[in-house]
C-alpha atoms as a PDB file:
ATOM      1  CA  MET A   1     181.169 138.275  73.321  1.00  0.00           C
ATOM      2  CA  HIS A   2     182.734 135.019  72.123  1.00  0.00           C
ATOM      3  CA  LEU A   3     181.972 133.397  75.476  1.00  0.00           C
ATOM      4  CA  PHE A   4     178.364 134.604  75.252  1.00  0.00           C
ATOM      5  CA  LYS A   5     177.917 133.105  71.775  1.00  0.00           C
ATOM      6  CA  SER A   6     179.559 129.836  72.879  1.00  0.00           C
ATOM      7  CA  SER A   7     177.133 129.630  75.803  1.00  0.00           C
ATOM      8  CA  ILE A   8     174.155 130.088  73.479  1.00  0.00           C
ATOM      9  CA  VAL A   9     175.380 127.368  71.121  1.00  0.00           C
ATOM     10  CA  SER A  10     176.101 124.989  74.020  1.00  0.00           C
ATOM     11  CA  ALA A  11     172.636 125.548  75.462  1.00  0.00           C
ATOM     12  CA  LEU A  12     170.982 124.950  72.095  1.00  0.00           C
ATOM     13  CA  ILE A  13     172.945 121.743  71.541  1.00  0.00           C
ATOM     14  CA  ALA A  14     172.038 120.518  75.015  1.00  0.00           C
ATOM     15  CA  ALA A  15     168.379 121.258  74.332  1.00  0.00           C
ATOM     16  CA  SER A  16     168.605 119.362  71.067  1.00  0.00           C
ATOM     17  CA  MET A  17     169.998 116.308  72.837  1.00  0.00           C
ATOM     18  CA  GLY A  18     167.089 116.434  75.227  1.00  0.00           C
ATOM     19  CA  LEU A  19     164.597 116.715  72.396  1.00  0.00           C
ATOM     20  CA  SER A  20     166.196 113.776  70.603  1.00  0.00           C
ATOM     21  CA  ALA A  21     165.359 111.601  73.587  1.00  0.00           C
ATOM     22  CA  CYS A  22     161.617 112.269  73.150  1.00  0.00           C
ATOM     23  CA  THR A  23     159.309 109.737  71.536  1.00  0.00           C
ATOM     24  CA  SER A  24     157.669 110.271  68.183  1.00  0.00           C
ATOM     25  CA  ASP A  25     154.290 110.583  69.977  1.00  0.00           C
ATOM     26  CA  GLU A  26     155.571 113.595  71.906  1.00  0.00           C
ATOM     27  CA  PHE A  27     156.408 115.301  68.640  1.00  0.00           C
ATOM     28  CA  MET A  28     152.785 115.053  67.512  1.00  0.00           C
ATOM     29  CA  SER A  29     152.178 118.315  69.402  1.00  0.00           C
ATOM     30  CA  VAL A  30     154.679 120.129  67.209  1.00  0.00           C
ATOM     31  CA  PRO A  31     152.781 122.174  64.613  1.00  0.00           C
ATOM     32  CA  SER A  32     153.298 121.138  61.009  1.00  0.00           C
ATOM     33  CA  LYS A  33     153.292 123.626  58.156  1.00  0.00           C
ATOM     34  CA  ASP A  34     153.353 123.587  54.400  1.00  0.00           C
ATOM     35  CA  PRO A  35     156.960 124.001  53.181  1.00  0.00           C
ATOM     36  CA  GLY A  36     155.524 126.453  50.646  1.00  0.00           C
ATOM     37  CA  GLU A  37     155.295 128.985  53.483  1.00  0.00           C
ATOM     38  CA  ARG A  38     159.079 129.077  53.364  1.00  0.00           C
ATOM     39  CA  ALA A  39     159.426 129.317  49.627  1.00  0.00           C
ATOM     40  CA  LEU A  40     162.842 130.427  48.443  1.00  0.00           C
ATOM     41  CA  GLY A  41     162.744 134.083  47.499  1.00  0.00           C
ATOM     42  CA  GLY A  42     159.390 134.553  49.249  1.00  0.00           C
ATOM     43  CA  PRO A  43     158.149 137.818  50.749  1.00  0.00           C
ATOM     44  CA  ALA A  44     159.760 137.112  54.129  1.00  0.00           C
ATOM     45  CA  LEU A  45     163.144 137.425  52.426  1.00  0.00           C
ATOM     46  CA  SER A  46     162.486 140.586  50.457  1.00  0.00           C
ATOM     47  CA  SER A  47     164.041 143.871  51.498  1.00  0.00           C
ATOM     48  CA  THR A  48     160.601 145.257  52.343  1.00  0.00           C
ATOM     49  CA  GLY A  49     159.038 142.135  53.863  1.00  0.00           C
ATOM     50  CA  TYR A  50     161.905 140.876  56.031  1.00  0.00           C
ATOM     51  CA  ARG A  51     161.356 141.317  59.759  1.00  0.00           C
ATOM     52  CA  MET A  52     164.538 142.004  61.657  1.00  0.00           C
ATOM     53  CA  THR A  53     165.825 139.765  64.414  1.00  0.00           C
ATOM     54  CA  ILE A  54     168.503 139.483  67.078  1.00  0.00           C
ATOM     55  CA  GLY A  55     172.029 139.794  65.709  1.00  0.00           C
ATOM     56  CA  ASP A  56     171.110 141.839  62.628  1.00  0.00           C
ATOM     57  CA  HIS A  57     173.533 144.734  62.114  1.00  0.00           C
ATOM     58  CA  VAL A  58     171.767 147.869  60.888  1.00  0.00           C
ATOM     59  CA  ARG A  59     172.598 151.388  59.804  1.00  0.00           C
ATOM     60  CA  VAL A  60     170.293 154.200  60.922  1.00  0.00           C
ATOM     61  CA  THR A  61     170.462 157.508  59.058  1.00  0.00           C
ATOM     62  CA  VAL A  62     168.584 160.555  60.326  1.00  0.00           C
ATOM     63  CA  PHE A  63     168.066 163.418  57.904  1.00  0.00           C
ATOM     64  CA  GLY A  64     167.212 166.727  59.538  1.00  0.00           C
ATOM     65  CA  SER A  65     168.995 170.061  59.826  1.00  0.00           C
ATOM     66  CA  THR A  66     172.065 167.838  59.855  1.00  0.00           C
ATOM     67  CA  SER A  67     172.420 164.191  58.800  1.00  0.00           C
ATOM     68  CA  VAL A  68     173.583 161.621  61.334  1.00  0.00           C
ATOM     69  CA  THR A  69     174.445 158.001  60.559  1.00  0.00           C
ATOM     70  CA  SER A  70     174.996 155.331  63.215  1.00  0.00           C
ATOM     71  CA  GLU A  71     175.338 151.546  63.217  1.00  0.00           C
ATOM     72  CA  TYR A  72     173.790 149.147  65.706  1.00  0.00           C
ATOM     73  CA  THR A  73     173.480 145.411  66.338  1.00  0.00           C
ATOM     74  CA  ILE A  74     170.079 144.252  67.576  1.00  0.00           C
ATOM     75  CA  ASP A  75     170.757 142.845  71.038  1.00  0.00           C
ATOM     76  CA  GLU A  76     169.303 139.835  72.841  1.00  0.00           C
ATOM     77  CA  THR A  77     166.302 141.899  73.970  1.00  0.00           C
ATOM     78  CA  GLY A  78     165.504 142.806  70.362  1.00  0.00           C
ATOM     79  CA  ALA A  79     166.537 146.429  70.831  1.00  0.00           C
ATOM     80  CA  ILE A  80     169.053 148.967  69.573  1.00  0.00           C
ATOM     81  CA  SER A  81     170.358 151.678  71.892  1.00  0.00           C
ATOM     82  CA  LEU A  82     169.694 155.063  70.357  1.00  0.00           C
ATOM     83  CA  ALA A  83     171.544 157.896  72.046  1.00  0.00           C
ATOM     84  CA  PRO A  84     170.332 159.791  73.968  1.00  0.00           C
ATOM     85  CA  MET A  85     166.949 157.997  74.111  1.00  0.00           C
ATOM     86  CA  GLY A  86     168.140 154.556  75.130  1.00  0.00           C
ATOM     87  CA  PRO A  87     166.925 151.099  73.992  1.00  0.00           C
ATOM     88  CA  LEU A  88     164.250 150.886  71.312  1.00  0.00           C
ATOM     89  CA  VAL A  89     162.811 147.465  70.405  1.00  0.00           C
ATOM     90  CA  VAL A  90     162.876 146.896  66.635  1.00  0.00           C
ATOM     91  CA  LYS A  91     162.832 143.095  66.511  1.00  0.00           C
ATOM     92  CA  GLU A  92     160.092 141.713  64.236  1.00  0.00           C
ATOM     93  CA  MET A  93     159.824 145.059  62.455  1.00  0.00           C
ATOM     94  CA  THR A  94     160.554 145.749  58.811  1.00  0.00           C
ATOM     95  CA  THR A  95     163.142 148.431  58.093  1.00  0.00           C
ATOM     96  CA  THR A  96     160.312 150.791  57.101  1.00  0.00           C
ATOM     97  CA  GLU A  97     158.451 150.205  60.375  1.00  0.00           C
ATOM     98  CA  ALA A  98     161.638 150.656  62.414  1.00  0.00           C
ATOM     99  CA  ALA A  99     162.448 153.907  60.601  1.00  0.00           C
ATOM    100  CA  ALA A 100     158.960 155.275  61.377  1.00  0.00           C
ATOM    101  CA  LEU A 101     159.293 154.309  65.044  1.00  0.00           C
ATOM    102  CA  ILE A 102     162.715 155.941  65.345  1.00  0.00           C
ATOM    103  CA  ALA A 103     161.477 159.129  63.668  1.00  0.00           C
ATOM    104  CA  LYS A 104     158.502 159.257  66.049  1.00  0.00           C
ATOM    105  CA  ASN A 105     160.732 158.861  69.106  1.00  0.00           C
ATOM    106  CA  TYR A 106     163.180 161.507  67.946  1.00  0.00           C
ATOM    107  CA  THR A 107     160.281 163.910  67.388  1.00  0.00           C
ATOM    108  CA  GLN A 108     158.694 163.192  70.778  1.00  0.00           C
ATOM    109  CA  ALA A 109     162.057 163.695  72.478  1.00  0.00           C
ATOM    110  CA  GLY A 110     162.324 167.102  70.828  1.00  0.00           C
ATOM    111  CA  LEU A 111     165.593 166.220  69.123  1.00  0.00           C
ATOM    112  CA  TYR A 112     164.271 166.732  65.578  1.00  0.00           C
ATOM    113  CA  LYS A 113     161.258 168.669  64.312  1.00  0.00           C
ATOM    114  CA  ASP A 114     160.380 166.531  61.300  1.00  0.00           C
ATOM    115  CA  PRO A 115     163.134 163.964  60.736  1.00  0.00           C
ATOM    116  CA  ARG A 116     163.360 161.569  57.816  1.00  0.00           C
ATOM    117  CA  VAL A 117     164.870 158.265  58.912  1.00  0.00           C
ATOM    118  CA  THR A 118     166.144 155.288  56.922  1.00  0.00           C
ATOM    119  CA  VAL A 119     167.167 151.895  58.263  1.00  0.00           C
ATOM    120  CA  ASP A 120     169.395 149.607  56.201  1.00  0.00           C
ATOM    121  CA  ILE A 121     170.477 146.068  57.062  1.00  0.00           C
ATOM    122  CA  LEU A 122     174.253 145.720  56.750  1.00  0.00           C
ATOM    123  CA  SER A 123     174.496 142.089  57.833  1.00  0.00           C
ATOM    124  CA  PHE A 124     172.138 139.472  59.206  1.00  0.00           C
ATOM    125  CA  GLY A 125     172.180 137.615  62.494  1.00  0.00           C
ATOM    126  CA  PRO A 126     173.280 133.960  62.611  1.00  0.00           C
ATOM    127  CA  PHE A 127     171.251 130.769  62.396  1.00  0.00           C
ATOM    128  CA  TYR A 128     171.811 127.564  64.372  1.00  0.00           C
ATOM    129  CA  MET A 129     172.049 123.938  63.260  1.00  0.00           C
ATOM    130  CA  LEU A 130     171.293 121.147  65.740  1.00  0.00           C
ATOM    131  CA  GLY A 131     170.617 117.444  65.665  1.00  0.00           C
ATOM    132  CA  GLU A 132     171.859 115.022  63.032  1.00  0.00           C
ATOM    133  CA  VAL A 133     174.412 117.181  61.225  1.00  0.00           C
ATOM    134  CA  SER A 134     178.158 116.672  61.329  1.00  0.00           C
ATOM    135  CA  LYS A 135     179.042 120.008  62.939  1.00  0.00           C
ATOM    136  CA  PRO A 136     176.190 121.488  65.001  1.00  0.00           C
ATOM    137  CA  GLY A 137     176.602 125.124  65.973  1.00  0.00           C
ATOM    138  CA  GLU A 138     176.158 128.759  64.993  1.00  0.00           C
ATOM    139  CA  PHE A 139     176.569 129.858  61.372  1.00  0.00           C
ATOM    140  CA  GLN A 140     176.564 133.136  59.475  1.00  0.00           C
ATOM    141  CA  TYR A 141     173.421 133.721  57.449  1.00  0.00           C
ATOM    142  CA  ARG A 142     173.673 134.637  53.780  1.00  0.00           C
ATOM    143  CA  PRO A 143     170.768 136.274  51.907  1.00  0.00           C
ATOM    144  CA  GLY A 144     168.708 133.740  49.981  1.00  0.00           C
ATOM    145  CA  MET A 145     170.029 130.811  52.019  1.00  0.00           C
ATOM    146  CA  SER A 146     168.204 127.489  51.728  1.00  0.00           C
ATOM    147  CA  LEU A 147     167.966 124.563  54.135  1.00  0.00           C
ATOM    148  CA  PHE A 148     170.199 122.374  51.969  1.00  0.00           C
ATOM    149  CA  ALA A 149     172.857 125.114  51.955  1.00  0.00           C
ATOM    150  CA  ALA A 150     172.507 125.428  55.735  1.00  0.00           C
ATOM    151  CA  VAL A 151     173.012 121.685  56.185  1.00  0.00           C
ATOM    152  CA  ALA A 152     176.095 121.874  53.963  1.00  0.00           C
ATOM    153  CA  SER A 153     177.464 124.667  56.183  1.00  0.00           C
ATOM    154  CA  ALA A 154     177.180 122.272  59.113  1.00  0.00           C
ATOM    155  CA  GLY A 155     179.168 119.552  57.352  1.00  0.00           C
ATOM    156  CA  GLY A 156     176.207 117.658  55.908  1.00  0.00           C
ATOM    157  CA  TYR A 157     173.870 115.057  57.367  1.00  0.00           C
ATOM    158  CA  THR A 158     175.015 112.251  59.642  1.00  0.00           C
ATOM    159  CA  TYR A 159     174.175 108.672  58.663  1.00  0.00           C
ATOM    160  CA  ARG A 160     171.385 108.744  61.293  1.00  0.00           C
ATOM    161  CA  ALA A 161     169.651 111.807  59.847  1.00  0.00           C
ATOM    162  CA  ASN A 162     166.038 111.807  58.752  1.00  0.00           C
ATOM    163  CA  ARG A 163     166.177 113.603  55.417  1.00  0.00           C
ATOM    164  CA  GLU A 164     162.426 113.752  54.943  1.00  0.00           C
ATOM    165  CA  ARG A 165     161.584 116.297  57.660  1.00  0.00           C
ATOM    166  CA  VAL A 166     163.086 119.126  59.666  1.00  0.00           C
ATOM    167  CA  PHE A 167     162.106 121.117  62.760  1.00  0.00           C
ATOM    168  CA  ILE A 168     162.617 124.895  62.779  1.00  0.00           C
ATOM    169  CA  ARG A 169     162.140 127.355  65.620  1.00  0.00           C
ATOM    170  CA  LYS A 170     162.166 131.029  64.714  1.00  0.00           C
ATOM    171  CA  ALA A 171     164.174 133.468  66.836  1.00  0.00           C
ATOM    172  CA  ARG A 172     162.725 133.877  70.325  1.00  0.00           C
ATOM    173  CA  GLU A 173     159.808 131.502  69.674  1.00  0.00           C
ATOM    174  CA  ALA A 174     159.165 128.739  72.183  1.00  0.00           C
ATOM    175  CA  ILE A 175     157.732 126.153  69.773  1.00  0.00           C
ATOM    176  CA  GLU A 176     159.409 124.603  66.765  1.00  0.00           C
ATOM    177  CA  THR A 177     157.543 123.861  63.559  1.00  0.00           C
ATOM    178  CA  GLU A 178     157.818 120.672  61.531  1.00  0.00           C
ATOM    179  CA  TYR A 179     158.290 120.788  57.766  1.00  0.00           C
ATOM    180  CA  GLU A 180     158.240 117.813  55.424  1.00  0.00           C
ATOM    181  CA  LEU A 181     161.106 118.116  52.976  1.00  0.00           C
ATOM    182  CA  THR A 182     159.268 117.682  49.714  1.00  0.00           C
ATOM    183  CA  SER A 183     161.516 120.435  48.335  1.00  0.00           C
ATOM    184  CA  ASP A 184     164.171 122.867  49.508  1.00  0.00           C
ATOM    185  CA  ILE A 185     162.949 125.590  51.872  1.00  0.00           C
ATOM    186  CA  ALA A 186     164.202 128.995  52.962  1.00  0.00           C
ATOM    187  CA  VAL A 187     166.242 129.656  56.091  1.00  0.00           C
ATOM    188  CA  LEU A 188     165.938 132.947  57.982  1.00  0.00           C
ATOM    189  CA  PRO A 189     168.307 134.710  60.392  1.00  0.00           C
ATOM    190  CA  GLY A 190     167.759 133.547  63.954  1.00  0.00           C
ATOM    191  CA  ASP A 191     166.352 130.162  62.932  1.00  0.00           C
ATOM    192  CA  VAL A 192     167.167 127.189  65.147  1.00  0.00           C
ATOM    193  CA  ILE A 193     167.126 124.228  62.764  1.00  0.00           C
ATOM    194  CA  ARG A 194     166.993 120.685  64.159  1.00  0.00           C
ATOM    195  CA  VAL A 195     167.550 117.684  61.930  1.00  0.00           C
ATOM    196  CA  PRO A 196     165.908 114.639  63.604  1.00  0.00           C
ATOM    197  CA  ASP A 197     167.146 111.084  63.461  1.00  0.00           C
ATOM    198  CA  LEU A 198     165.624 108.293  61.400  1.00  0.00           C
ATOM    199  CA  HIS A 199     163.222 107.251  64.160  1.00  0.00           C
ATOM    200  CA  LEU A 200     161.346 110.570  64.112  1.00  0.00           C
END
């Protein structure tokens, strides 16, 4: 598992080095968004609005004739393996949506007649810091985390860092989004955060 995580971090860092070699014109194709879309404490961070991602550790409780509680970590495919049904993709779902899906599958499999299911997040997946920070790598997410706190986790900015903008790619998305740092913004589990240099 440690080797797997190290490989992911190494690949992300290598990708960041490649991106850093691009010209500013090439970055014009990167979509830009209002930092207000990542407001601290916004709906994406609420217990009901948060959409789960890879690495989140969840507890699933099924209430039926008997109550069964199990814990799972969302794997790299975005799924949890529910015995005896097998993998069930819950990535990008809220806990309420995931609970409804699990209940439906248990019912269809004939394992429960009318189950009530709850899904609780026990811990969140990591986020990644790349680019002009002192210690690029993988870091543990904490609820309510902001970009400035994330940068601090990575040892702070380097002297080459551009502190007026940041590029963020959400988990499993192919395109990063540019944000102008007019104020602090929220970080989410699975984010790949790239701090550009002064020339970008």
